[in-house]
Amino acid sequence: MAFRKRFIHPDLFSDWELIELGLPGVMTFIGMICSADDVGNLKYCNKTIYAKTFPMTDEVSVKDVEVAVEGLIAVKLVKVYEVDGQKYLHINRFHKYQKPNHPSNPEHPIDNWSLADEDLPKATRQKILDWTKGVINES
């Protein structure tokens, strides 16, 4: 899970579902956007999200990130899915806020939610289907 150069859309800062999660919730969500592959998926590991998003602070703990991720799931900004015993997160509306010009192949298994994103560009959708040979996890 490498951080990517991402544009943080200004609308995120006026999304009340996100704002109500507090600063750790907002920063966790932004860190997840930067960590996600070009489909909006990442491994569900609170310690990794914490380490990538808050590497030099004691003001936020792994527990704070856990609470933030649970909050993001509760307000449906993030969805959990599982493949072969490994949990993953899909950022809902990822492609509303991120438009990768040259999307790379997905790094994580794809589920139906990834393709159901109404903002997913057609070229990216086709690239996913080509990469997975049309095999999508039914979660």
C-alpha atoms as a PDB file:
ATOM      1  CA  MET A   1       0.000   0.000   0.000  1.00  0.00           C
ATOM      2  CA  ALA A   2       1.957   2.959  -1.300  1.00  0.00           C
ATOM      3  CA  PHE A   3       0.796   6.520  -0.896  1.00  0.00           C
ATOM      4  CA  ARG A   4      -0.193   8.106  -4.182  1.00  0.00           C
ATOM      5  CA  LYS A   5      -0.282  11.703  -5.252  1.00  0.00           C
ATOM      6  CA  ARG A   6      -3.935  12.569  -4.883  1.00  0.00           C
ATOM      7  CA  PHE A   7      -5.970  15.717  -5.261  1.00  0.00           C
ATOM      8  CA  ILE A   8      -8.080  16.257  -2.150  1.00  0.00           C
ATOM      9  CA  HIS A   9     -11.389  17.542  -3.444  1.00  0.00           C
ATOM     10  CA  PRO A  10     -12.600  20.657  -1.567  1.00  0.00           C
ATOM     11  CA  ASP A  11     -16.097  19.168  -1.208  1.00  0.00           C
ATOM     12  CA  LEU A  12     -14.693  16.682   1.311  1.00  0.00           C
ATOM     13  CA  PHE A  13     -14.287  19.530   3.794  1.00  0.00           C
ATOM     14  CA  SER A  14     -17.995  20.369   3.627  1.00  0.00           C
ATOM     15  CA  ASP A  15     -19.255  16.773   3.829  1.00  0.00           C
ATOM     16  CA  TRP A  16     -21.074  16.780   7.171  1.00  0.00           C
ATOM     17  CA  GLU A  17     -21.050  12.991   7.493  1.00  0.00           C
ATOM     18  CA  LEU A  18     -17.274  13.209   7.385  1.00  0.00           C
ATOM     19  CA  ILE A  19     -16.883  16.377   9.464  1.00  0.00           C
ATOM     20  CA  GLU A  20     -18.946  14.894  12.294  1.00  0.00           C
ATOM     21  CA  LEU A  21     -16.288  12.179  12.683  1.00  0.00           C
ATOM     22  CA  GLY A  22     -13.855  14.840  13.897  1.00  0.00           C
ATOM     23  CA  LEU A  23     -10.329  15.632  12.774  1.00  0.00           C
ATOM     24  CA  PRO A  24      -9.041  12.048  13.199  1.00  0.00           C
ATOM     25  CA  GLY A  25     -11.930  10.838  11.016  1.00  0.00           C
ATOM     26  CA  VAL A  26     -11.275  13.410   8.297  1.00  0.00           C
ATOM     27  CA  MET A  27      -7.525  12.752   8.285  1.00  0.00           C
ATOM     28  CA  THR A  28      -8.053   8.980   8.335  1.00  0.00           C
ATOM     29  CA  PHE A  29     -10.364   9.257   5.308  1.00  0.00           C
ATOM     30  CA  ILE A  30      -7.850  11.425   3.429  1.00  0.00           C
ATOM     31  CA  GLY A  31      -5.078   8.958   4.318  1.00  0.00           C
ATOM     32  CA  MET A  32      -7.231   6.114   3.006  1.00  0.00           C
ATOM     33  CA  ILE A  33      -7.799   7.974  -0.282  1.00  0.00           C
ATOM     34  CA  CYS A  34      -4.033   8.396  -0.654  1.00  0.00           C
ATOM     35  CA  SER A  35      -3.427   4.715   0.195  1.00  0.00           C
ATOM     36  CA  ALA A  36      -6.139   3.212  -2.000  1.00  0.00           C
ATOM     37  CA  ASP A  37      -5.460   1.730  -5.407  1.00  0.00           C
ATOM     38  CA  ASP A  38      -6.953   3.455  -8.448  1.00  0.00           C
ATOM     39  CA  VAL A  39     -10.248   1.619  -7.946  1.00  0.00           C
ATOM     40  CA  GLY A  40     -10.648   2.883  -4.363  1.00  0.00           C
ATOM     41  CA  ASN A  41      -9.742  -0.335  -2.524  1.00  0.00           C
ATOM     42  CA  LEU A  42      -7.230  -0.995   0.246  1.00  0.00           C
ATOM     43  CA  LYS A  43      -6.496  -3.653   2.849  1.00  0.00           C
ATOM     44  CA  TYR A  44      -8.453  -3.285   6.068  1.00  0.00           C
ATOM     45  CA  CYS A  45      -5.681  -2.898   8.629  1.00  0.00           C
ATOM     46  CA  ASN A  46      -6.088  -0.114  11.169  1.00  0.00           C
ATOM     47  CA  LYS A  47      -2.410  -0.302  12.191  1.00  0.00           C
ATOM     48  CA  THR A  48      -1.279   0.230   8.588  1.00  0.00           C
ATOM     49  CA  ILE A  49      -3.740   3.066   8.048  1.00  0.00           C
ATOM     50  CA  TYR A  50      -2.489   4.640  11.287  1.00  0.00           C
ATOM     51  CA  ALA A  51       1.172   4.222  10.349  1.00  0.00           C
ATOM     52  CA  LYS A  52       0.651   5.741   6.891  1.00  0.00           C
ATOM     53  CA  THR A  53      -1.601   8.601   8.004  1.00  0.00           C
ATOM     54  CA  PHE A  54      -0.196   9.581  11.405  1.00  0.00           C
ATOM     55  CA  PRO A  55       3.485   8.522  11.323  1.00  0.00           C
ATOM     56  CA  MET A  56       4.935  11.235  13.529  1.00  0.00           C
ATOM     57  CA  THR A  57       2.329  11.950  16.189  1.00  0.00           C
ATOM     58  CA  ASP A  58       1.265  10.632  19.542  1.00  0.00           C
ATOM     59  CA  GLU A  59      -1.875  12.770  19.465  1.00  0.00           C
ATOM     60  CA  VAL A  60      -3.780  10.125  17.474  1.00  0.00           C
ATOM     61  CA  SER A  61      -3.711   6.436  18.378  1.00  0.00           C
ATOM     62  CA  VAL A  62      -4.487   3.206  16.536  1.00  0.00           C
ATOM     63  CA  LYS A  63      -7.690   3.115  18.617  1.00  0.00           C
ATOM     64  CA  ASP A  64      -8.632   6.574  17.260  1.00  0.00           C
ATOM     65  CA  VAL A  65      -8.128   5.265  13.713  1.00  0.00           C
ATOM     66  CA  GLU A  66     -10.216   2.182  14.530  1.00  0.00           C
ATOM     67  CA  VAL A  67     -13.041   4.416  15.775  1.00  0.00           C
ATOM     68  CA  ALA A  68     -12.681   6.634  12.692  1.00  0.00           C
ATOM     69  CA  VAL A  69     -12.844   3.679  10.289  1.00  0.00           C
ATOM     70  CA  GLU A  70     -15.890   2.292  12.122  1.00  0.00           C
ATOM     71  CA  GLY A  71     -17.495   5.729  11.780  1.00  0.00           C
ATOM     72  CA  LEU A  72     -16.689   5.871   8.065  1.00  0.00           C
ATOM     73  CA  ILE A  73     -18.294   2.453   7.654  1.00  0.00           C
ATOM     74  CA  ALA A  74     -21.360   3.509   9.669  1.00  0.00           C
ATOM     75  CA  VAL A  75     -22.000   6.564   7.451  1.00  0.00           C
ATOM     76  CA  LYS A  76     -21.346   4.454   4.336  1.00  0.00           C
ATOM     77  CA  LEU A  77     -18.327   6.400   3.111  1.00  0.00           C
ATOM     78  CA  VAL A  78     -16.434   3.099   3.253  1.00  0.00           C
ATOM     79  CA  LYS A  79     -17.571  -0.504   2.693  1.00  0.00           C
ATOM     80  CA  VAL A  80     -15.921  -3.647   4.071  1.00  0.00           C
ATOM     81  CA  TYR A  81     -15.644  -6.761   1.934  1.00  0.00           C
ATOM     82  CA  GLU A  82     -13.751 -10.004   2.380  1.00  0.00           C
ATOM     83  CA  VAL A  83     -11.901 -12.256  -0.057  1.00  0.00           C
ATOM     84  CA  ASP A  84     -10.178 -15.476   1.029  1.00  0.00           C
ATOM     85  CA  GLY A  85     -10.253 -14.464   4.689  1.00  0.00           C
ATOM     86  CA  GLN A  86      -8.648 -11.038   4.107  1.00  0.00           C
ATOM     87  CA  LYS A  87     -10.757  -7.936   4.741  1.00  0.00           C
ATOM     88  CA  TYR A  88     -10.612  -4.972   2.402  1.00  0.00           C
ATOM     89  CA  LEU A  89     -12.134  -1.501   2.340  1.00  0.00           C
ATOM     90  CA  HIS A  90     -13.756   0.127  -0.663  1.00  0.00           C
ATOM     91  CA  ILE A  91     -14.095   3.908  -0.606  1.00  0.00           C
ATOM     92  CA  ASN A  92     -17.609   4.676  -1.832  1.00  0.00           C
ATOM     93  CA  ARG A  93     -17.791   7.586  -4.261  1.00  0.00           C
ATOM     94  CA  PHE A  94     -14.005   7.295  -4.761  1.00  0.00           C
ATOM     95  CA  HIS A  95     -14.265   8.288  -8.401  1.00  0.00           C
ATOM     96  CA  LYS A  96     -16.403  11.303  -7.586  1.00  0.00           C
ATOM     97  CA  TYR A  97     -13.333  12.772  -5.889  1.00  0.00           C
ATOM     98  CA  GLN A  98     -10.489  11.023  -7.756  1.00  0.00           C
ATOM     99  CA  LYS A  99      -9.992  10.831 -11.499  1.00  0.00           C
ATOM    100  CA  PRO A 100      -6.753   8.919 -12.202  1.00  0.00           C
ATOM    101  CA  ASN A 101      -5.611   9.830 -15.721  1.00  0.00           C
ATOM    102  CA  HIS A 102      -3.810   6.546 -16.256  1.00  0.00           C
ATOM    103  CA  PRO A 103      -5.285   4.077 -13.772  1.00  0.00           C
ATOM    104  CA  SER A 104      -2.998   1.250 -12.783  1.00  0.00           C
ATOM    105  CA  ASN A 105      -4.161  -2.330 -12.415  1.00  0.00           C
ATOM    106  CA  PRO A 106      -6.038  -2.934  -9.168  1.00  0.00           C
ATOM    107  CA  GLU A 107      -3.798  -4.055  -6.316  1.00  0.00           C
ATOM    108  CA  HIS A 108      -6.609  -5.709  -4.383  1.00  0.00           C
ATOM    109  CA  PRO A 109      -9.448  -8.069  -5.252  1.00  0.00           C
ATOM    110  CA  ILE A 110     -12.404  -6.352  -6.857  1.00  0.00           C
ATOM    111  CA  ASP A 111     -15.952  -6.747  -5.606  1.00  0.00           C
ATOM    112  CA  ASN A 112     -19.237  -5.687  -7.162  1.00  0.00           C
ATOM    113  CA  TRP A 113     -19.253  -2.477  -5.131  1.00  0.00           C
ATOM    114  CA  SER A 114     -16.098  -1.341  -6.889  1.00  0.00           C
ATOM    115  CA  LEU A 115     -17.841  -1.575 -10.251  1.00  0.00           C
ATOM    116  CA  ALA A 116     -21.142  -0.170  -8.958  1.00  0.00           C
ATOM    117  CA  ASP A 117     -19.540   3.240  -8.304  1.00  0.00           C
ATOM    118  CA  GLU A 118     -21.602   5.483 -10.605  1.00  0.00           C
ATOM    119  CA  ASP A 119     -18.648   7.858 -10.955  1.00  0.00           C
ATOM    120  CA  LEU A 120     -16.294   5.111 -12.187  1.00  0.00           C
ATOM    121  CA  PRO A 121     -15.050   6.154 -15.646  1.00  0.00           C
ATOM    122  CA  LYS A 122     -15.899   3.719 -18.454  1.00  0.00           C
ATOM    123  CA  ALA A 123     -12.228   3.262 -19.375  1.00  0.00           C
ATOM    124  CA  THR A 124     -11.356   2.326 -15.795  1.00  0.00           C
ATOM    125  CA  ARG A 125     -14.335  -0.056 -15.590  1.00  0.00           C
ATOM    126  CA  GLN A 126     -13.176  -1.757 -18.797  1.00  0.00           C
ATOM    127  CA  LYS A 127      -9.601  -1.955 -17.507  1.00  0.00           C
ATOM    128  CA  ILE A 128     -10.872  -3.672 -14.345  1.00  0.00           C
ATOM    129  CA  LEU A 129     -12.888  -6.174 -16.361  1.00  0.00           C
ATOM    130  CA  ASP A 130      -9.900  -6.842 -18.641  1.00  0.00           C
ATOM    131  CA  TRP A 131      -7.531  -7.235 -15.705  1.00  0.00           C
ATOM    132  CA  THR A 132      -9.856  -9.584 -13.821  1.00  0.00           C
ATOM    133  CA  LYS A 133     -10.998 -11.338 -17.019  1.00  0.00           C
ATOM    134  CA  GLY A 134     -14.529 -10.461 -15.930  1.00  0.00           C
ATOM    135  CA  VAL A 135     -14.248 -12.394 -12.647  1.00  0.00           C
ATOM    136  CA  ILE A 136     -15.595 -10.248  -9.852  1.00  0.00           C
ATOM    137  CA  ASN A 137     -15.981 -11.312  -6.221  1.00  0.00           C
ATOM    138  CA  GLU A 138     -19.618 -11.545  -5.183  1.00  0.00           C
ATOM    139  CA  SER A 139     -19.529  -9.853  -1.755  1.00  0.00           C
END
